[in-house]
Amino acid sequence: YGGTNPDDNSGVLRYVRIEYPGIA
């Protein structure tokens, strides 16, 4: 990841729940 475009658009996450993540 990384680059030179500060206005880069990866989409939308809105009204999202993320439960029990973080596996090793």
mmCIF file of all heavy atoms, coordinates in Angstrom:
data_MODEL
# 
_entry.id   MODEL 
# 
loop_
_atom_site.group_PDB 
_atom_site.id 
_atom_site.type_symbol 
_atom_site.label_atom_id 
_atom_site.label_alt_id 
_atom_site.label_comp_id 
_atom_site.label_asym_id 
_atom_site.label_entity_id 
_atom_site.label_seq_id 
_atom_site.pdbx_PDB_ins_code 
_atom_site.Cartn_x 
_atom_site.Cartn_y 
_atom_site.Cartn_z 
_atom_site.occupancy 
_atom_site.B_iso_or_equiv 
_atom_site.pdbx_formal_charge 
_atom_site.auth_seq_id 
_atom_site.auth_comp_id 
_atom_site.auth_asym_id 
_atom_site.auth_atom_id 
_atom_site.pdbx_PDB_model_num 
ATOM 1   N N   . TYR A 1 1  ? 0.849   -1.191  0.000  1.00 0.00 ? 1  TYR A N   1 
ATOM 2   C CA  . TYR A 1 1  ? 0.000   0.000   0.000  1.00 0.00 ? 1  TYR A CA  1 
ATOM 3   C C   . TYR A 1 1  ? 0.883   1.239   0.000  1.00 0.00 ? 1  TYR A C   1 
ATOM 4   O O   . TYR A 1 1  ? 2.079   1.183   0.259  1.00 0.00 ? 1  TYR A O   1 
ATOM 5   C CB  . TYR A 1 1  ? -0.944  0.010   1.209  1.00 0.00 ? 1  TYR A CB  1 
ATOM 6   C CG  . TYR A 1 1  ? -0.251  0.199   2.546  1.00 0.00 ? 1  TYR A CG  1 
ATOM 7   C CD1 . TYR A 1 1  ? -0.132  1.464   3.124  1.00 0.00 ? 1  TYR A CD1 1 
ATOM 8   C CD2 . TYR A 1 1  ? 0.296   -0.882  3.235  1.00 0.00 ? 1  TYR A CD2 1 
ATOM 9   C CE1 . TYR A 1 1  ? 0.501   1.638   4.343  1.00 0.00 ? 1  TYR A CE1 1 
ATOM 10  C CE2 . TYR A 1 1  ? 0.929   -0.720  4.458  1.00 0.00 ? 1  TYR A CE2 1 
ATOM 11  C CZ  . TYR A 1 1  ? 1.025   0.550   5.009  1.00 0.00 ? 1  TYR A CZ  1 
ATOM 12  O OH  . TYR A 1 1  ? 1.658   0.720   6.214  1.00 0.00 ? 1  TYR A OH  1 
ATOM 13  N N   . GLY A 1 2  ? 0.240   2.387   -0.259 1.00 0.00 ? 2  GLY A N   1 
ATOM 14  C CA  . GLY A 1 2  ? 0.941   3.666   -0.265 1.00 0.00 ? 2  GLY A CA  1 
ATOM 15  C C   . GLY A 1 2  ? 1.096   4.201   -1.667 1.00 0.00 ? 2  GLY A C   1 
ATOM 16  O O   . GLY A 1 2  ? 1.124   3.447   -2.646 1.00 0.00 ? 2  GLY A O   1 
ATOM 17  N N   . GLY A 1 3  ? 1.182   5.538   -1.790 1.00 0.00 ? 3  GLY A N   1 
ATOM 18  C CA  . GLY A 1 3  ? 1.328   6.157   -3.095 1.00 0.00 ? 3  GLY A CA  1 
ATOM 19  C C   . GLY A 1 3  ? 1.433   7.662   -2.974 1.00 0.00 ? 3  GLY A C   1 
ATOM 20  O O   . GLY A 1 3  ? 1.914   8.191   -1.963 1.00 0.00 ? 3  GLY A O   1 
ATOM 21  N N   . THR A 1 4  ? 0.928   8.366   -3.961 1.00 0.00 ? 4  THR A N   1 
ATOM 22  C CA  . THR A 1 4  ? 1.098   9.817   -4.024 1.00 0.00 ? 4  THR A CA  1 
ATOM 23  C C   . THR A 1 4  ? -0.218  10.569  -4.168 1.00 0.00 ? 4  THR A C   1 
ATOM 24  O O   . THR A 1 4  ? -0.211  11.768  -4.410 1.00 0.00 ? 4  THR A O   1 
ATOM 25  C CB  . THR A 1 4  ? 1.998   10.182  -5.219 1.00 0.00 ? 4  THR A CB  1 
ATOM 26  O OG1 . THR A 1 4  ? 1.400   9.696   -6.430 1.00 0.00 ? 4  THR A OG1 1 
ATOM 27  C CG2 . THR A 1 4  ? 3.388   9.567   -5.067 1.00 0.00 ? 4  THR A CG2 1 
ATOM 28  N N   . ASN A 1 5  ? -1.345  9.892   -4.016 1.00 0.00 ? 5  ASN A N   1 
ATOM 29  C CA  . ASN A 1 5  ? -2.651  10.521  -4.242 1.00 0.00 ? 5  ASN A CA  1 
ATOM 30  C C   . ASN A 1 5  ? -3.414  10.699  -2.934 1.00 0.00 ? 5  ASN A C   1 
ATOM 31  O O   . ASN A 1 5  ? -4.093  9.773   -2.476 1.00 0.00 ? 5  ASN A O   1 
ATOM 32  C CB  . ASN A 1 5  ? -3.483  9.686   -5.212 1.00 0.00 ? 5  ASN A CB  1 
ATOM 33  C CG  . ASN A 1 5  ? -4.836  10.322  -5.528 1.00 0.00 ? 5  ASN A CG  1 
ATOM 34  O OD1 . ASN A 1 5  ? -5.082  11.479  -5.175 1.00 0.00 ? 5  ASN A OD1 1 
ATOM 35  N ND2 . ASN A 1 5  ? -5.708  9.576   -6.179 1.00 0.00 ? 5  ASN A ND2 1 
ATOM 36  N N   . PRO A 1 6  ? -3.368  11.883  -2.327 1.00 0.00 ? 6  PRO A N   1 
ATOM 37  C CA  . PRO A 1 6  ? -4.084  12.082  -1.062 1.00 0.00 ? 6  PRO A CA  1 
ATOM 38  C C   . PRO A 1 6  ? -5.601  12.008  -1.207 1.00 0.00 ? 6  PRO A C   1 
ATOM 39  O O   . PRO A 1 6  ? -6.311  11.773  -0.236 1.00 0.00 ? 6  PRO A O   1 
ATOM 40  C CB  . PRO A 1 6  ? -3.643  13.478  -0.611 1.00 0.00 ? 6  PRO A CB  1 
ATOM 41  C CG  . PRO A 1 6  ? -3.214  14.161  -1.869 1.00 0.00 ? 6  PRO A CG  1 
ATOM 42  C CD  . PRO A 1 6  ? -2.631  13.091  -2.736 1.00 0.00 ? 6  PRO A CD  1 
ATOM 43  N N   . ASP A 1 7  ? -6.125  12.205  -2.427 1.00 0.00 ? 7  ASP A N   1 
ATOM 44  C CA  . ASP A 1 7  ? -7.564  12.163  -2.671 1.00 0.00 ? 7  ASP A CA  1 
ATOM 45  C C   . ASP A 1 7  ? -8.044  10.793  -3.120 1.00 0.00 ? 7  ASP A C   1 
ATOM 46  O O   . ASP A 1 7  ? -9.191  10.640  -3.561 1.00 0.00 ? 7  ASP A O   1 
ATOM 47  C CB  . ASP A 1 7  ? -7.945  13.211  -3.733 1.00 0.00 ? 7  ASP A CB  1 
ATOM 48  C CG  . ASP A 1 7  ? -7.639  14.627  -3.281 1.00 0.00 ? 7  ASP A CG  1 
ATOM 49  O OD1 . ASP A 1 7  ? -7.962  14.957  -2.130 1.00 0.00 ? 7  ASP A OD1 1 
ATOM 50  O OD2 . ASP A 1 7  ? -7.053  15.399  -4.076 1.00 0.00 ? 7  ASP A OD2 1 
ATOM 51  N N   . ASP A 1 8  ? -7.225  9.794   -2.999 1.00 0.00 ? 8  ASP A N   1 
ATOM 52  C CA  . ASP A 1 8  ? -7.579  8.440   -3.422 1.00 0.00 ? 8  ASP A CA  1 
ATOM 53  C C   . ASP A 1 8  ? -8.893  7.989   -2.776 1.00 0.00 ? 8  ASP A C   1 
ATOM 54  O O   . ASP A 1 8  ? -9.177  8.320   -1.618 1.00 0.00 ? 8  ASP A O   1 
ATOM 55  C CB  . ASP A 1 8  ? -6.444  7.492   -3.029 1.00 0.00 ? 8  ASP A CB  1 
ATOM 56  C CG  . ASP A 1 8  ? -6.547  6.133   -3.700 1.00 0.00 ? 8  ASP A CG  1 
ATOM 57  O OD1 . ASP A 1 8  ? -6.984  6.083   -4.865 1.00 0.00 ? 8  ASP A OD1 1 
ATOM 58  O OD2 . ASP A 1 8  ? -6.181  5.139   -3.069 1.00 0.00 ? 8  ASP A OD2 1 
ATOM 59  N N   . ASN A 1 9  ? -9.680  7.226   -3.522 1.00 0.00 ? 9  ASN A N   1 
ATOM 60  C CA  . ASN A 1 9  ? -11.016 6.817   -3.073 1.00 0.00 ? 9  ASN A CA  1 
ATOM 61  C C   . ASN A 1 9  ? -11.093 5.296   -3.044 1.00 0.00 ? 9  ASN A C   1 
ATOM 62  O O   . ASN A 1 9  ? -11.041 4.641   -4.084 1.00 0.00 ? 9  ASN A O   1 
ATOM 63  C CB  . ASN A 1 9  ? -12.071 7.386   -4.018 1.00 0.00 ? 9  ASN A CB  1 
ATOM 64  C CG  . ASN A 1 9  ? -13.498 7.073   -3.576 1.00 0.00 ? 9  ASN A CG  1 
ATOM 65  O OD1 . ASN A 1 9  ? -13.724 6.311   -2.654 1.00 0.00 ? 9  ASN A OD1 1 
ATOM 66  N ND2 . ASN A 1 9  ? -14.455 7.684   -4.252 1.00 0.00 ? 9  ASN A ND2 1 
ATOM 67  N N   . SER A 1 10 ? -11.228 4.737   -1.830 1.00 0.00 ? 10 SER A N   1 
ATOM 68  C CA  . SER A 1 10 ? -11.387 3.289   -1.664 1.00 0.00 ? 10 SER A CA  1 
ATOM 69  C C   . SER A 1 10 ? -12.826 2.888   -1.417 1.00 0.00 ? 10 SER A C   1 
ATOM 70  O O   . SER A 1 10 ? -13.098 1.711   -1.150 1.00 0.00 ? 10 SER A O   1 
ATOM 71  C CB  . SER A 1 10 ? -10.504 2.784   -0.518 1.00 0.00 ? 10 SER A CB  1 
ATOM 72  O OG  . SER A 1 10 ? -9.135  2.978   -0.807 1.00 0.00 ? 10 SER A OG  1 
ATOM 73  N N   . GLY A 1 11 ? -13.761 3.863   -1.466 1.00 0.00 ? 11 GLY A N   1 
ATOM 74  C CA  . GLY A 1 11 ? -15.170 3.529   -1.333 1.00 0.00 ? 11 GLY A CA  1 
ATOM 75  C C   . GLY A 1 11 ? -15.819 4.093   -0.090 1.00 0.00 ? 11 GLY A C   1 
ATOM 76  O O   . GLY A 1 11 ? -15.477 5.187   0.383  1.00 0.00 ? 11 GLY A O   1 
ATOM 77  N N   . VAL A 1 12 ? -16.766 3.329   0.492  1.00 0.00 ? 12 VAL A N   1 
ATOM 78  C CA  . VAL A 1 12 ? -17.598 3.782   1.608  1.00 0.00 ? 12 VAL A CA  1 
ATOM 79  C C   . VAL A 1 12 ? -17.758 2.668   2.624  1.00 0.00 ? 12 VAL A C   1 
ATOM 80  O O   . VAL A 1 12 ? -18.085 1.532   2.264  1.00 0.00 ? 12 VAL A O   1 
ATOM 81  C CB  . VAL A 1 12 ? -19.004 4.206   1.109  1.00 0.00 ? 12 VAL A CB  1 
ATOM 82  C CG1 . VAL A 1 12 ? -19.894 4.610   2.289  1.00 0.00 ? 12 VAL A CG1 1 
ATOM 83  C CG2 . VAL A 1 12 ? -18.918 5.340   0.093  1.00 0.00 ? 12 VAL A CG2 1 
ATOM 84  N N   . LEU A 1 13 ? -17.540 2.974   3.895  1.00 0.00 ? 13 LEU A N   1 
ATOM 85  C CA  . LEU A 1 13 ? -18.004 2.162   5.027  1.00 0.00 ? 13 LEU A CA  1 
ATOM 86  C C   . LEU A 1 13 ? -18.860 3.073   5.886  1.00 0.00 ? 13 LEU A C   1 
ATOM 87  O O   . LEU A 1 13 ? -18.347 4.023   6.490  1.00 0.00 ? 13 LEU A O   1 
ATOM 88  C CB  . LEU A 1 13 ? -16.826 1.616   5.853  1.00 0.00 ? 13 LEU A CB  1 
ATOM 89  C CG  . LEU A 1 13 ? -16.461 0.143   5.656  1.00 0.00 ? 13 LEU A CG  1 
ATOM 90  C CD1 . LEU A 1 13 ? -15.922 -0.067  4.268  1.00 0.00 ? 13 LEU A CD1 1 
ATOM 91  C CD2 . LEU A 1 13 ? -15.458 -0.304  6.715  1.00 0.00 ? 13 LEU A CD2 1 
ATOM 92  N N   . ARG A 1 14 ? -20.162 2.787   5.917  1.00 0.00 ? 14 ARG A N   1 
ATOM 93  C CA  . ARG A 1 14 ? -21.070 3.633   6.700  1.00 0.00 ? 14 ARG A CA  1 
ATOM 94  C C   . ARG A 1 14 ? -22.143 2.737   7.320  1.00 0.00 ? 14 ARG A C   1 
ATOM 95  O O   . ARG A 1 14 ? -22.710 1.891   6.668  1.00 0.00 ? 14 ARG A O   1 
ATOM 96  C CB  . ARG A 1 14 ? -21.696 4.692   5.796  1.00 0.00 ? 14 ARG A CB  1 
ATOM 97  C CG  . ARG A 1 14 ? -22.624 5.658   6.507  1.00 0.00 ? 14 ARG A CG  1 
ATOM 98  C CD  . ARG A 1 14 ? -22.831 6.951   5.738  1.00 0.00 ? 14 ARG A CD  1 
ATOM 99  N NE  . ARG A 1 14 ? -22.940 6.749   4.294  1.00 0.00 ? 14 ARG A NE  1 
ATOM 100 C CZ  . ARG A 1 14 ? -22.584 7.685   3.409  1.00 0.00 ? 14 ARG A CZ  1 
ATOM 101 N NH1 . ARG A 1 14 ? -22.109 8.854   3.795  1.00 0.00 ? 14 ARG A NH1 1 
ATOM 102 N NH2 . ARG A 1 14 ? -22.705 7.445   2.112  1.00 0.00 ? 14 ARG A NH2 1 
ATOM 103 N N   . TYR A 1 15 ? -22.381 2.948   8.601  1.00 0.00 ? 15 TYR A N   1 
ATOM 104 C CA  . TYR A 1 15 ? -23.274 2.086   9.381  1.00 0.00 ? 15 TYR A CA  1 
ATOM 105 C C   . TYR A 1 15 ? -22.845 0.632   9.225  1.00 0.00 ? 15 TYR A C   1 
ATOM 106 O O   . TYR A 1 15 ? -23.544 -0.202  8.663  1.00 0.00 ? 15 TYR A O   1 
ATOM 107 C CB  . TYR A 1 15 ? -24.736 2.294   8.969  1.00 0.00 ? 15 TYR A CB  1 
ATOM 108 C CG  . TYR A 1 15 ? -25.287 3.629   9.423  1.00 0.00 ? 15 TYR A CG  1 
ATOM 109 C CD1 . TYR A 1 15 ? -25.592 4.622   8.500  1.00 0.00 ? 15 TYR A CD1 1 
ATOM 110 C CD2 . TYR A 1 15 ? -25.501 3.888   10.776 1.00 0.00 ? 15 TYR A CD2 1 
ATOM 111 C CE1 . TYR A 1 15 ? -26.085 5.847   8.909  1.00 0.00 ? 15 TYR A CE1 1 
ATOM 112 C CE2 . TYR A 1 15 ? -26.004 5.106   11.199 1.00 0.00 ? 15 TYR A CE2 1 
ATOM 113 C CZ  . TYR A 1 15 ? -26.284 6.090   10.267 1.00 0.00 ? 15 TYR A CZ  1 
ATOM 114 O OH  . TYR A 1 15 ? -26.767 7.303   10.679 1.00 0.00 ? 15 TYR A OH  1 
ATOM 115 N N   . VAL A 1 16 ? -21.647 0.348   9.754  1.00 0.00 ? 16 VAL A N   1 
ATOM 116 C CA  . VAL A 1 16 ? -21.040 -0.974  9.678  1.00 0.00 ? 16 VAL A CA  1 
ATOM 117 C C   . VAL A 1 16 ? -20.582 -1.395  11.065 1.00 0.00 ? 16 VAL A C   1 
ATOM 118 O O   . VAL A 1 16 ? -19.959 -0.611  11.788 1.00 0.00 ? 16 VAL A O   1 
ATOM 119 C CB  . VAL A 1 16 ? -19.837 -0.969  8.703  1.00 0.00 ? 16 VAL A CB  1 
ATOM 120 C CG1 . VAL A 1 16 ? -19.074 -2.293  8.782  1.00 0.00 ? 16 VAL A CG1 1 
ATOM 121 C CG2 . VAL A 1 16 ? -20.298 -0.711  7.272  1.00 0.00 ? 16 VAL A CG2 1 
ATOM 122 N N   . ARG A 1 17 ? -20.881 -2.635  11.424 1.00 0.00 ? 17 ARG A N   1 
ATOM 123 C CA  . ARG A 1 17 ? -20.345 -3.223  12.657 1.00 0.00 ? 17 ARG A CA  1 
ATOM 124 C C   . ARG A 1 17 ? -19.353 -4.322  12.301 1.00 0.00 ? 17 ARG A C   1 
ATOM 125 O O   . ARG A 1 17 ? -19.612 -5.143  11.419 1.00 0.00 ? 17 ARG A O   1 
ATOM 126 C CB  . ARG A 1 17 ? -21.467 -3.816  13.525 1.00 0.00 ? 17 ARG A CB  1 
ATOM 127 C CG  . ARG A 1 17 ? -22.447 -2.796  14.069 1.00 0.00 ? 17 ARG A CG  1 
ATOM 128 C CD  . ARG A 1 17 ? -23.146 -3.304  15.332 1.00 0.00 ? 17 ARG A CD  1 
ATOM 129 N NE  . ARG A 1 17 ? -23.707 -4.626  15.199 1.00 0.00 ? 17 ARG A NE  1 
ATOM 130 C CZ  . ARG A 1 17 ? -24.987 -4.888  14.912 1.00 0.00 ? 17 ARG A CZ  1 
ATOM 131 N NH1 . ARG A 1 17 ? -25.834 -3.880  14.690 1.00 0.00 ? 17 ARG A NH1 1 
ATOM 132 N NH2 . ARG A 1 17 ? -25.429 -6.131  14.827 1.00 0.00 ? 17 ARG A NH2 1 
ATOM 133 N N   . ILE A 1 18 ? -18.235 -4.332  13.027 1.00 0.00 ? 18 ILE A N   1 
ATOM 134 C CA  . ILE A 1 18 ? -17.181 -5.336  12.830 1.00 0.00 ? 18 ILE A CA  1 
ATOM 135 C C   . ILE A 1 18 ? -16.972 -6.003  14.187 1.00 0.00 ? 18 ILE A C   1 
ATOM 136 O O   . ILE A 1 18 ? -16.423 -5.398  15.105 1.00 0.00 ? 18 ILE A O   1 
ATOM 137 C CB  . ILE A 1 18 ? -15.888 -4.678  12.319 1.00 0.00 ? 18 ILE A CB  1 
ATOM 138 C CG1 . ILE A 1 18 ? -16.151 -3.869  11.046 1.00 0.00 ? 18 ILE A CG1 1 
ATOM 139 C CG2 . ILE A 1 18 ? -14.805 -5.726  12.083 1.00 0.00 ? 18 ILE A CG2 1 
ATOM 140 C CD1 . ILE A 1 18 ? -14.995 -2.975  10.633 1.00 0.00 ? 18 ILE A CD1 1 
ATOM 141 N N   . GLU A 1 19 ? -17.409 -7.248  14.325 1.00 0.00 ? 19 GLU A N   1 
ATOM 142 C CA  . GLU A 1 19 ? -17.458 -7.911  15.632 1.00 0.00 ? 19 GLU A CA  1 
ATOM 143 C C   . GLU A 1 19 ? -16.500 -9.106  15.695 1.00 0.00 ? 19 GLU A C   1 
ATOM 144 O O   . GLU A 1 19 ? -16.425 -9.902  14.756 1.00 0.00 ? 19 GLU A O   1 
ATOM 145 C CB  . GLU A 1 19 ? -18.883 -8.412  15.909 1.00 0.00 ? 19 GLU A CB  1 
ATOM 146 C CG  . GLU A 1 19 ? -19.944 -7.325  15.846 1.00 0.00 ? 19 GLU A CG  1 
ATOM 147 C CD  . GLU A 1 19 ? -21.358 -7.850  15.892 1.00 0.00 ? 19 GLU A CD  1 
ATOM 148 O OE1 . GLU A 1 19 ? -21.562 -9.073  15.676 1.00 0.00 ? 19 GLU A OE1 1 
ATOM 149 O OE2 . GLU A 1 19 ? -22.283 -7.048  16.132 1.00 0.00 ? 19 GLU A OE2 1 
ATOM 150 N N   . TYR A 1 20 ? -15.764 -9.236  16.806 1.00 0.00 ? 20 TYR A N   1 
ATOM 151 C CA  . TYR A 1 20 ? -14.874 -10.364 17.095 1.00 0.00 ? 20 TYR A CA  1 
ATOM 152 C C   . TYR A 1 20 ? -13.751 -10.540 16.073 1.00 0.00 ? 20 TYR A C   1 
ATOM 153 O O   . TYR A 1 20 ? -13.328 -11.667 15.784 1.00 0.00 ? 20 TYR A O   1 
ATOM 154 C CB  . TYR A 1 20 ? -15.680 -11.673 17.207 1.00 0.00 ? 20 TYR A CB  1 
ATOM 155 C CG  . TYR A 1 20 ? -16.822 -11.592 18.172 1.00 0.00 ? 20 TYR A CG  1 
ATOM 156 C CD1 . TYR A 1 20 ? -18.132 -11.439 17.708 1.00 0.00 ? 20 TYR A CD1 1 
ATOM 157 C CD2 . TYR A 1 20 ? -16.615 -11.655 19.548 1.00 0.00 ? 20 TYR A CD2 1 
ATOM 158 C CE1 . TYR A 1 20 ? -19.195 -11.349 18.589 1.00 0.00 ? 20 TYR A CE1 1 
ATOM 159 C CE2 . TYR A 1 20 ? -17.673 -11.574 20.444 1.00 0.00 ? 20 TYR A CE2 1 
ATOM 160 C CZ  . TYR A 1 20 ? -18.972 -11.415 19.949 1.00 0.00 ? 20 TYR A CZ  1 
ATOM 161 O OH  . TYR A 1 20 ? -20.021 -11.327 20.829 1.00 0.00 ? 20 TYR A OH  1 
ATOM 162 N N   . PRO A 1 21 ? -13.178 -9.466  15.513 1.00 0.00 ? 21 PRO A N   1 
ATOM 163 C CA  . PRO A 1 21 ? -12.060 -9.611  14.578 1.00 0.00 ? 21 PRO A CA  1 
ATOM 164 C C   . PRO A 1 21 ? -10.736 -9.687  15.339 1.00 0.00 ? 21 PRO A C   1 
ATOM 165 O O   . PRO A 1 21 ? -10.707 -9.797  16.570 1.00 0.00 ? 21 PRO A O   1 
ATOM 166 C CB  . PRO A 1 21 ? -12.146 -8.321  13.765 1.00 0.00 ? 21 PRO A CB  1 
ATOM 167 C CG  . PRO A 1 21 ? -12.574 -7.313  14.802 1.00 0.00 ? 21 PRO A CG  1 
ATOM 168 C CD  . PRO A 1 21 ? -13.533 -8.048  15.713 1.00 0.00 ? 21 PRO A CD  1 
ATOM 169 N N   . GLY A 1 22 ? -9.609  -9.606  14.587 1.00 0.00 ? 22 GLY A N   1 
ATOM 170 C CA  . GLY A 1 22 ? -8.300  -9.496  15.216 1.00 0.00 ? 22 GLY A CA  1 
ATOM 171 C C   . GLY A 1 22 ? -7.596  -10.802 15.445 1.00 0.00 ? 22 GLY A C   1 
ATOM 172 O O   . GLY A 1 22 ? -6.845  -10.960 16.412 1.00 0.00 ? 22 GLY A O   1 
ATOM 173 N N   . ILE A 1 23 ? -7.798  -11.778 14.553 1.00 0.00 ? 23 ILE A N   1 
ATOM 174 C CA  . ILE A 1 23 ? -7.135  -13.073 14.709 1.00 0.00 ? 23 ILE A CA  1 
ATOM 175 C C   . ILE A 1 23 ? -5.619  -12.900 14.568 1.00 0.00 ? 23 ILE A C   1 
ATOM 176 O O   . ILE A 1 23 ? -5.145  -11.986 13.886 1.00 0.00 ? 23 ILE A O   1 
ATOM 177 C CB  . ILE A 1 23 ? -7.668  -14.078 13.665 1.00 0.00 ? 23 ILE A CB  1 
ATOM 178 C CG1 . ILE A 1 23 ? -7.406  -15.510 14.107 1.00 0.00 ? 23 ILE A CG1 1 
ATOM 179 C CG2 . ILE A 1 23 ? -7.074  -13.805 12.284 1.00 0.00 ? 23 ILE A CG2 1 
ATOM 180 C CD1 . ILE A 1 23 ? -8.159  -16.551 13.291 1.00 0.00 ? 23 ILE A CD1 1 
ATOM 181 N N   . ALA A 1 24 ? -4.865  -13.757 15.232 1.00 0.00 ? 24 ALA A N   1 
ATOM 182 C CA  . ALA A 1 24 ? -3.408  -13.736 15.111 1.00 0.00 ? 24 ALA A CA  1 
ATOM 183 C C   . ALA A 1 24 ? -3.009  -14.436 13.822 1.00 0.00 ? 24 ALA A C   1 
ATOM 184 O O   . ALA A 1 24 ? -3.174  -15.656 13.683 1.00 0.00 ? 24 ALA A O   1 
ATOM 185 C CB  . ALA A 1 24 ? -2.768  -14.404 16.312 1.00 0.00 ? 24 ALA A CB  1 
# 
